[in-house]
Amino acid sequence: MNRFTMQDYRTGRSLEVGPDGRLFDARLRQAIGEKLGEGADVDLHEAFAALRMADHTLRVLTDRWTEQHGLSDGRLRLLFILGDSERTLSQLADALEVSPRNITGLVDMLERDGLIERLPDEHDRRAVRARLTDRGLDQLRLVTEEIRVARRTVAGHFTTDELRQLRHLCLKLLQGVEDAQGGTG
C-alpha cells in the first residue's frame, strides 16, 4: 500500500457538498482512494488532510499579515502576553515556552522597534522586567482590532453552534494526542 502525503495533493481544492450536507474535497477524496485503495478509512484521512490544509493556510496568512506589521508570530505573542502589564524576561520565556535566549532576542527586536522597554526589577536586582511602550500599546491595539475583524471574516460562515463544535473538536483532538503520548503534554 502506498503512503498518502500532502505533496500528492497539489492541484487545488475542489469543494463539493456530499449527500450528508457536509463539505468535502473531491480531488482529495479521489487522491486518497487512488493511493490507499478499497477499504481505506477515507473519513479519517480526509479529516486530517483538511485539518492540515486549514492549518497551513491560516499559518501562511498569519505570517504574511504579521510581516506587514514588522512582527513575527513570536513577537506578536509576546506583545499579547505583556498587554498592559510588566513581566520579567523569565516569566515571558515561561509563558511562551521558549528559552531565555529566545526571549532576549525577541525583546531586543521589539525594544529596537520602540515597542518594548526594559526596566530593572525592584525586588530582584538580577532580574529584568519588560513592558510595552506607548507605541507598543498602540501597535497592540491596532493588531488586536485587525485580528478581530479577520477572525470574524474567516469565521463568517459559521454559526455560534458550529464555532463551539469546532472548538470542542479541536480540543478533543488534543485530548487524543495526549492519550497517544501516554498523558504527557
Foldseek 3Di string as FASTA:
>chain_A
DADDDCVLPDPDFDWDQDPVRDIFGPVLLVSCCVRVHPPDPSVVVRVVSVVVVVVVVVQVVVQVVQVVVVHGPLLLVLLVVQAQHKDWLVVSCVVVVHDSVVSVVSQVVCVVVQQKDWDADPVDRVIIMMHGDPVNNVSNVVVVVVVVVVVCVVCVVPDPVRVVVVVVVVVVVVVVVCVVVVNDD
